[in-house]
C-alpha atoms as a PDB file:
ATOM      1  CA  MET A   1     131.256  48.931 131.613  1.00  0.00           C
ATOM      2  CA  THR A   2     128.665  46.420 133.314  1.00  0.00           C
ATOM      3  CA  ARG A   3     126.631  44.964 130.616  1.00  0.00           C
ATOM      4  CA  VAL A   4     123.262  43.145 131.250  1.00  0.00           C
ATOM      5  CA  GLY A   5     121.440  41.033 128.487  1.00  0.00           C
ATOM      6  CA  VAL A   6     117.860  40.878 128.972  1.00  0.00           C
ATOM      7  CA  VAL A   7     115.537  38.136 126.960  1.00  0.00           C
ATOM      8  CA  VAL A   8     111.742  39.663 126.392  1.00  0.00           C
ATOM      9  CA  PRO A   9     108.525  38.328 125.334  1.00  0.00           C
ATOM     10  CA  PRO A  10     107.964  39.420 121.440  1.00  0.00           C
ATOM     11  CA  ALA A  11     105.285  42.215 122.380  1.00  0.00           C
ATOM     12  CA  ASN A  12     105.972  43.480 125.526  1.00  0.00           C
ATOM     13  CA  PRO A  13     106.148  47.283 125.558  1.00  0.00           C
ATOM     14  CA  ALA A  14     107.749  48.123 129.132  1.00  0.00           C
ATOM     15  CA  VAL A  15     110.626  46.032 129.428  1.00  0.00           C
ATOM     16  CA  GLU A  16     113.411  47.946 127.368  1.00  0.00           C
ATOM     17  CA  PRO A  17     112.371  51.417 128.323  1.00  0.00           C
ATOM     18  CA  GLU A  18     111.828  50.174 132.018  1.00  0.00           C
ATOM     19  CA  PHE A  19     115.207  48.605 132.443  1.00  0.00           C
ATOM     20  CA  ALA A  20     117.004  51.520 130.485  1.00  0.00           C
ATOM     21  CA  ARG A  21     115.739  53.807 132.817  1.00  0.00           C
ATOM     22  CA  LEU A  22     116.514  51.472 136.160  1.00  0.00           C
ATOM     23  CA  LEU A  23     119.876  50.690 134.797  1.00  0.00           C
ATOM     24  CA  GLY A  24     120.775  54.319 133.808  1.00  0.00           C
ATOM     25  CA  ALA A  25     124.303  54.791 133.273  1.00  0.00           C
ATOM     26  CA  ARG A  26     125.277  52.001 135.608  1.00  0.00           C
ATOM     27  CA  ALA A  27     125.168  49.340 132.777  1.00  0.00           C
ATOM     28  CA  ASP A  28     124.694  48.774 129.461  1.00  0.00           C
ATOM     29  CA  LEU A  29     121.359  46.855 128.241  1.00  0.00           C
ATOM     30  CA  HIS A  30     121.292  44.135 125.880  1.00  0.00           C
ATOM     31  CA  VAL A  31     118.006  42.527 124.645  1.00  0.00           C
ATOM     32  CA  THR A  32     116.830  39.597 122.760  1.00  0.00           C
ATOM     33  CA  ARG A  33     113.229  38.711 122.026  1.00  0.00           C
ATOM     34  CA  PHE A  34     111.551  35.334 122.119  1.00  0.00           C
ATOM     35  CA  PRO A  35     110.108  33.776 118.881  1.00  0.00           C
ATOM     36  CA  VAL A  36     106.704  34.831 118.024  1.00  0.00           C
ATOM     37  CA  ARG A  37     104.746  31.399 117.940  1.00  0.00           C
ATOM     38  CA  PRO A  38     101.541  32.196 116.179  1.00  0.00           C
ATOM     39  CA  GLY A  39      98.342  29.818 116.827  1.00  0.00           C
ATOM     40  CA  LEU A  40      99.346  28.926 120.606  1.00  0.00           C
ATOM     41  CA  GLN A  41      97.503  29.559 123.594  1.00  0.00           C
ATOM     42  CA  LEU A  42      98.678  31.504 126.194  1.00  0.00           C
ATOM     43  CA  ALA A  43      99.909  28.519 128.708  1.00  0.00           C
ATOM     44  CA  GLU A  44     101.226  26.938 125.411  1.00  0.00           C
ATOM     45  CA  ARG A  45     103.170  30.187 124.719  1.00  0.00           C
ATOM     46  CA  LEU A  46     104.348  30.473 127.985  1.00  0.00           C
ATOM     47  CA  ASP A  47     105.751  27.250 128.400  1.00  0.00           C
ATOM     48  CA  ALA A  48     107.367  27.530 124.650  1.00  0.00           C
ATOM     49  CA  TYR A  49     109.296  30.332 126.408  1.00  0.00           C
ATOM     50  CA  ASN A  50     110.856  28.272 129.316  1.00  0.00           C
ATOM     51  CA  GLU A  51     112.033  25.646 126.587  1.00  0.00           C
ATOM     52  CA  ALA A  52     113.374  28.465 124.350  1.00  0.00           C
ATOM     53  CA  LEU A  53     115.520  30.093 127.076  1.00  0.00           C
ATOM     54  CA  PRO A  54     118.851  28.262 126.546  1.00  0.00           C
ATOM     55  CA  ALA A  55     118.498  29.134 122.519  1.00  0.00           C
ATOM     56  CA  MET A  56     118.114  32.753 123.804  1.00  0.00           C
ATOM     57  CA  ILE A  57     120.943  33.015 125.725  1.00  0.00           C
ATOM     58  CA  ARG A  58     122.969  31.509 123.177  1.00  0.00           C
ATOM     59  CA  SER A  59     121.757  34.240 120.674  1.00  0.00           C
ATOM     60  CA  PHE A  60     123.807  36.926 122.506  1.00  0.00           C
ATOM     61  CA  GLY A  61     126.970  34.952 120.592  1.00  0.00           C
ATOM     62  CA  GLY A  62     130.182  36.047 122.085  1.00  0.00           C
ATOM     63  CA  LEU A  63     128.913  39.339 123.740  1.00  0.00           C
ATOM     64  CA  PRO A  64     130.582  39.276 127.174  1.00  0.00           C
ATOM     65  CA  LEU A  65     127.449  39.727 129.907  1.00  0.00           C
ATOM     66  CA  ASP A  66     127.673  39.953 133.623  1.00  0.00           C
ATOM     67  CA  ALA A  67     124.107  39.135 134.417  1.00  0.00           C
ATOM     68  CA  LEU A  68     120.971  38.118 132.545  1.00  0.00           C
ATOM     69  CA  VAL A  69     117.583  38.278 133.217  1.00  0.00           C
ATOM     70  CA  MET A  70     114.590  36.505 131.543  1.00  0.00           C
ATOM     71  CA  ALA A  71     112.037  39.002 131.594  1.00  0.00           C
ATOM     72  CA  CYS A  72     108.705  36.965 131.731  1.00  0.00           C
ATOM     73  CA  SER A  73     106.972  36.272 134.992  1.00  0.00           C
ATOM     74  CA  GLY A  74     103.828  34.377 133.554  1.00  0.00           C
ATOM     75  CA  SER A  75     105.693  31.423 132.310  1.00  0.00           C
ATOM     76  CA  ARG A  76     107.727  30.742 135.620  1.00  0.00           C
ATOM     77  CA  TYR A  77     104.767  30.894 137.346  1.00  0.00           C
ATOM     78  CA  LEU A  78     103.962  27.808 135.704  1.00  0.00           C
ATOM     79  CA  LEU A  79     106.864  26.189 137.091  1.00  0.00           C
ATOM     80  CA  GLY A  80     106.558  26.949 140.776  1.00  0.00           C
ATOM     81  CA  PRO A  81     109.486  28.570 142.895  1.00  0.00           C
ATOM     82  CA  GLU A  82     111.815  25.208 143.259  1.00  0.00           C
ATOM     83  CA  LEU A  83     111.788  24.229 139.380  1.00  0.00           C
ATOM     84  CA  ASP A  84     112.106  27.744 138.617  1.00  0.00           C
ATOM     85  CA  ARG A  85     115.312  28.273 140.658  1.00  0.00           C
ATOM     86  CA  ARG A  86     116.848  25.308 139.725  1.00  0.00           C
ATOM     87  CA  ARG A  87     116.708  25.989 136.315  1.00  0.00           C
ATOM     88  CA  CYS A  88     118.059  29.194 136.611  1.00  0.00           C
ATOM     89  CA  GLU A  89     121.308  27.878 138.736  1.00  0.00           C
ATOM     90  CA  GLU A  90     121.707  25.399 135.930  1.00  0.00           C
ATOM     91  CA  LEU A  91     121.625  27.976 133.275  1.00  0.00           C
ATOM     92  CA  SER A  92     123.940  30.309 135.304  1.00  0.00           C
ATOM     93  CA  ALA A  93     126.624  27.020 135.515  1.00  0.00           C
ATOM     94  CA  GLU A  94     126.087  26.423 131.710  1.00  0.00           C
ATOM     95  CA  PHE A  95     126.603  29.618 130.577  1.00  0.00           C
ATOM     96  CA  GLY A  96     129.155  30.909 133.257  1.00  0.00           C
ATOM     97  CA  LEU A  97     127.275  34.204 133.835  1.00  0.00           C
ATOM     98  CA  PRO A  98     124.458  34.804 136.691  1.00  0.00           C
ATOM     99  CA  VAL A  99     121.082  34.071 135.474  1.00  0.00           C
ATOM    100  CA  ALA A 100     117.303  34.710 136.972  1.00  0.00           C
ATOM    101  CA  SER A 101     113.927  34.677 135.720  1.00  0.00           C
ATOM    102  CA  ALA A 102     111.910  37.848 137.012  1.00  0.00           C
ATOM    103  CA  THR A 103     110.406  35.544 139.294  1.00  0.00           C
ATOM    104  CA  GLU A 104     113.563  34.304 140.933  1.00  0.00           C
ATOM    105  CA  ALA A 105     115.069  38.064 140.978  1.00  0.00           C
ATOM    106  CA  THR A 106     111.838  38.931 142.700  1.00  0.00           C
ATOM    107  CA  ARG A 107     112.040  36.324 145.034  1.00  0.00           C
ATOM    108  CA  ARG A 108     115.454  37.577 145.924  1.00  0.00           C
ATOM    109  CA  ALA A 109     114.651  40.828 146.398  1.00  0.00           C
ATOM    110  CA  LEU A 110     111.502  40.293 148.536  1.00  0.00           C
ATOM    111  CA  GLU A 111     114.426  38.060 150.848  1.00  0.00           C
ATOM    112  CA  HIS A 112     116.801  40.661 150.804  1.00  0.00           C
ATOM    113  CA  LEU A 113     114.015  43.294 152.493  1.00  0.00           C
ATOM    114  CA  GLY A 114     112.922  40.319 154.771  1.00  0.00           C
ATOM    115  CA  THR A 115     109.468  40.564 153.456  1.00  0.00           C
ATOM    116  CA  ARG A 116     107.174  37.497 154.257  1.00  0.00           C
ATOM    117  CA  GLU A 117     103.701  38.854 153.261  1.00  0.00           C
ATOM    118  CA  ILE A 118     102.828  40.881 150.074  1.00  0.00           C
ATOM    119  CA  THR A 119      99.514  42.555 148.399  1.00  0.00           C
ATOM    120  CA  LEU A 120      99.642  40.606 144.917  1.00  0.00           C
ATOM    121  CA  VAL A 121      98.590  43.292 142.124  1.00  0.00           C
ATOM    122  CA  SER A 122      98.325  41.136 138.966  1.00  0.00           C
ATOM    123  CA  PRO A 123      97.165  41.904 135.287  1.00  0.00           C
ATOM    124  CA  TYR A 124      96.692  38.436 134.180  1.00  0.00           C
ATOM    125  CA  GLN A 125      93.705  36.348 133.417  1.00  0.00           C
ATOM    126  CA  PRO A 126      92.686  34.790 136.987  1.00  0.00           C
ATOM    127  CA  TRP A 127      93.835  31.146 136.207  1.00  0.00           C
ATOM    128  CA  LEU A 128      97.733  32.473 135.745  1.00  0.00           C
ATOM    129  CA  THR A 129      96.990  35.087 139.055  1.00  0.00           C
ATOM    130  CA  ASP A 130      95.954  31.535 140.614  1.00  0.00           C
ATOM    131  CA  HIS A 131      99.532  30.177 139.582  1.00  0.00           C
ATOM    132  CA  ALA A 132     101.217  33.396 140.974  1.00  0.00           C
ATOM    133  CA  ASP A 133      99.152  33.121 144.149  1.00  0.00           C
ATOM    134  CA  ARG A 134     100.406  29.481 144.715  1.00  0.00           C
ATOM    135  CA  TYR A 135     103.979  30.549 143.506  1.00  0.00           C
ATOM    136  CA  TRP A 136     104.406  32.886 146.356  1.00  0.00           C
ATOM    137  CA  SER A 137     102.931  30.794 149.015  1.00  0.00           C
ATOM    138  CA  ALA A 138     105.512  28.282 147.817  1.00  0.00           C
ATOM    139  CA  ALA A 139     108.113  30.255 148.056  1.00  0.00           C
ATOM    140  CA  GLY A 140     107.432  31.180 151.680  1.00  0.00           C
ATOM    141  CA  VAL A 141     105.667  34.430 151.119  1.00  0.00           C
ATOM    142  CA  ARG A 142     102.115  34.851 152.494  1.00  0.00           C
ATOM    143  CA  VAL A 143      99.583  36.734 149.999  1.00  0.00           C
ATOM    144  CA  SER A 144      97.773  38.312 152.474  1.00  0.00           C
ATOM    145  CA  ARG A 145      95.414  39.580 149.242  1.00  0.00           C
ATOM    146  CA  VAL A 146      95.347  39.978 145.232  1.00  0.00           C
ATOM    147  CA  ILE A 147      94.322  42.682 143.594  1.00  0.00           C
ATOM    148  CA  PRO A 148      93.356  42.205 139.890  1.00  0.00           C
ATOM    149  CA  VAL A 149      94.114  44.916 137.256  1.00  0.00           C
ATOM    150  CA  LYS A 150      92.168  45.174 134.036  1.00  0.00           C
ATOM    151  CA  ALA A 151      92.972  47.623 131.149  1.00  0.00           C
ATOM    152  CA  GLY A 152      89.297  48.776 130.218  1.00  0.00           C
ATOM    153  CA  GLU A 153      87.289  45.500 130.837  1.00  0.00           C
ATOM    154  CA  ARG A 154      89.664  42.790 130.017  1.00  0.00           C
ATOM    155  CA  PHE A 155      92.617  41.364 131.404  1.00  0.00           C
ATOM    156  CA  ALA A 156      95.282  42.687 128.856  1.00  0.00           C
ATOM    157  CA  PRO A 157      99.066  43.110 130.947  1.00  0.00           C
ATOM    158  CA  TYR A 158     100.891  45.397 127.796  1.00  0.00           C
ATOM    159  CA  GLU A 159      97.477  47.699 128.029  1.00  0.00           C
ATOM    160  CA  VAL A 160      97.399  48.787 131.682  1.00  0.00           C
ATOM    161  CA  THR A 161      97.854  52.565 131.912  1.00  0.00           C
ATOM    162  CA  THR A 162      99.322  54.486 134.581  1.00  0.00           C
ATOM    163  CA  GLU A 163      96.017  55.667 135.681  1.00  0.00           C
ATOM    164  CA  GLU A 164      94.242  52.773 135.579  1.00  0.00           C
ATOM    165  CA  LEU A 165      96.799  50.594 137.588  1.00  0.00           C
ATOM    166  CA  VAL A 166      96.916  53.794 140.259  1.00  0.00           C
ATOM    167  CA  GLY A 167      93.061  53.965 140.088  1.00  0.00           C
ATOM    168  CA  GLN A 168      92.224  50.185 140.803  1.00  0.00           C
ATOM    169  CA  ILE A 169      94.593  49.836 143.264  1.00  0.00           C
ATOM    170  CA  GLU A 170      93.259  52.625 145.226  1.00  0.00           C
ATOM    171  CA  GLN A 171      89.706  52.041 144.641  1.00  0.00           C
ATOM    172  CA  ALA A 172      90.491  48.392 146.508  1.00  0.00           C
ATOM    173  CA  ARG A 173      91.773  50.441 149.423  1.00  0.00           C
ATOM    174  CA  ALA A 174      95.639  48.734 149.699  1.00  0.00           C
ATOM    175  CA  ALA A 175      96.617  49.211 153.346  1.00  0.00           C
ATOM    176  CA  PRO A 176      98.911  52.160 153.627  1.00  0.00           C
ATOM    177  CA  ASP A 177     101.877  50.170 155.107  1.00  0.00           C
ATOM    178  CA  ALA A 178     101.366  47.420 152.506  1.00  0.00           C
ATOM    179  CA  VAL A 179     104.389  45.593 150.465  1.00  0.00           C
ATOM    180  CA  LEU A 180     102.745  45.803 146.926  1.00  0.00           C
ATOM    181  CA  LEU A 181     103.890  43.482 144.423  1.00  0.00           C
ATOM    182  CA  LEU A 182     103.234  44.499 141.051  1.00  0.00           C
ATOM    183  CA  THR A 183     103.677  41.284 139.027  1.00  0.00           C
ATOM    184  CA  GLY A 184     104.180  41.208 135.314  1.00  0.00           C
ATOM    185  CA  THR A 185     107.140  42.733 133.356  1.00  0.00           C
ATOM    186  CA  GLY A 186     104.698  43.823 130.111  1.00  0.00           C
ATOM    187  CA  MET A 187     102.790  46.115 132.371  1.00  0.00           C
ATOM    188  CA  PRO A 188     104.034  49.414 132.590  1.00  0.00           C
ATOM    189  CA  THR A 189     104.795  50.241 136.239  1.00  0.00           C
ATOM    190  CA  LEU A 190     107.508  52.840 136.757  1.00  0.00           C
ATOM    191  CA  ARG A 191     105.336  55.973 136.626  1.00  0.00           C
ATOM    192  CA  ALA A 192     102.940  54.428 139.237  1.00  0.00           C
ATOM    193  CA  ILE A 193     105.467  53.689 141.958  1.00  0.00           C
ATOM    194  CA  GLY A 194     105.704  57.203 143.230  1.00  0.00           C
ATOM    195  CA  LYS A 195     101.653  58.047 143.022  1.00  0.00           C
ATOM    196  CA  LEU A 196     101.332  54.533 145.150  1.00  0.00           C
ATOM    197  CA  ALA A 197     104.054  55.186 147.658  1.00  0.00           C
ATOM    198  CA  GLU A 198     103.218  58.768 148.041  1.00  0.00           C
ATOM    199  CA  ASP A 199     102.445  60.128 151.628  1.00  0.00           C
ATOM    200  CA  ASN A 200     102.073  56.359 153.027  1.00  0.00           C
ATOM    201  CA  GLU A 201     104.439  54.081 154.410  1.00  0.00           C
ATOM    202  CA  ARG A 202     103.914  51.322 151.574  1.00  0.00           C
ATOM    203  CA  VAL A 203     107.057  49.268 149.706  1.00  0.00           C
ATOM    204  CA  VAL A 204     106.190  48.843 146.198  1.00  0.00           C
ATOM    205  CA  LEU A 205     108.122  46.456 144.156  1.00  0.00           C
ATOM    206  CA  THR A 206     107.645  45.420 140.160  1.00  0.00           C
ATOM    207  CA  SER A 207     108.775  42.866 138.404  1.00  0.00           C
ATOM    208  CA  ASN A 208     111.146  45.077 136.510  1.00  0.00           C
ATOM    209  CA  LEU A 209     112.659  46.962 139.291  1.00  0.00           C
ATOM    210  CA  CYS A 210     113.424  43.488 141.140  1.00  0.00           C
ATOM    211  CA  GLY A 211     114.818  42.288 137.998  1.00  0.00           C
ATOM    212  CA  ALA A 212     117.371  45.316 137.422  1.00  0.00           C
ATOM    213  CA  TRP A 213     118.193  45.042 141.073  1.00  0.00           C
ATOM    214  CA  TRP A 214     119.266  41.929 140.928  1.00  0.00           C
ATOM    215  CA  ALA A 215     121.231  42.315 137.775  1.00  0.00           C
ATOM    216  CA  LEU A 216     123.424  45.169 139.290  1.00  0.00           C
ATOM    217  CA  THR A 217     124.079  43.604 142.573  1.00  0.00           C
ATOM    218  CA  SER A 218     124.795  40.303 140.715  1.00  0.00           C
ATOM    219  CA  ALA A 219     127.333  41.924 138.691  1.00  0.00           C
ATOM    220  CA  GLY A 220     129.109  43.076 141.730  1.00  0.00           C
ATOM    221  CA  GLN A 221     127.858  46.438 142.135  1.00  0.00           C
ATOM    222  CA  GLN A 222     126.591  48.151 145.127  1.00  0.00           C
ATOM    223  CA  VAL A 223     123.139  49.005 144.763  1.00  0.00           C
ATOM    224  CA  MET A 224     120.213  49.435 147.547  1.00  0.00           C
ATOM    225  CA  LEU A 225     116.739  48.344 146.893  1.00  0.00           C
ATOM    226  CA  GLY A 226     115.193  51.656 147.885  1.00  0.00           C
ATOM    227  CA  ARG A 227     113.614  54.808 145.934  1.00  0.00           C
ATOM    228  CA  ARG A 228     114.286  57.947 145.561  1.00  0.00           C
ATOM    229  CA  LYS A 229     112.338  61.074 143.923  1.00  0.00           C
ATOM    230  CA  HIS A 230     113.102  61.220 140.454  1.00  0.00           C
ATOM    231  CA  ARG A 231     112.904  64.245 138.517  1.00  0.00           C
ATOM    232  CA  ASP A 232     109.663  63.466 136.699  1.00  0.00           C
ATOM    233  CA  GLY A 233     108.125  61.984 139.803  1.00  0.00           C
ATOM    234  CA  GLU A 234     108.936  58.507 138.950  1.00  0.00           C
ATOM    235  CA  ARG A 235     110.769  56.530 141.836  1.00  0.00           C
ATOM    236  CA  VAL A 236     114.005  54.205 141.047  1.00  0.00           C
ATOM    237  CA  PRO A 237     116.442  52.277 142.890  1.00  0.00           C
ATOM    238  CA  THR A 238     119.424  53.791 144.664  1.00  0.00           C
END
């Protein structure tokens, strides 16, 4: 059985349930969480995740993994695509298994689809959204527009509801043929995918969708990066 390891920020509410649903019966999911760092500002906390990643991979001990995803986008936006990719390659070589960040997995997905232009949907504070915009531009992906998403009146990725996410994207009049990239592993996105891609030509990608696709394909499974209608209305990779 394929085993996928995932490293998650401490309070992230979305990664485990979304990865479990996306992986389904194709892989077992094994998770470890970054340590809590009280008193740090967001930028400092994100930097700490990058530095702690090797130790978190070691925390799986002797558990044989077929692929590992660092399920945090914001911390890698601070690095830029070149350093992000290089560190993932170094970790893959050190630990003898495919390792990717959520952003590197997403970059691979965009490359696989031949996508060179996206609409970036971001629940982050504006300064971090700016880093995300620069990351994708440096990676050779044109960000045609940015749609900010709030939870109520504030930027709080873990608190965004499906209704808020879909409503704000539709209110922003996202193009019916846009490639929407819903960034952020902690923003619940699965139930929104079907709603956003209904009766239009949109391609809707999310950090967790791309991470699950990358993990399965890196583990040697044949998985198409597409969407099929699930019984509850969400769409999942096939």
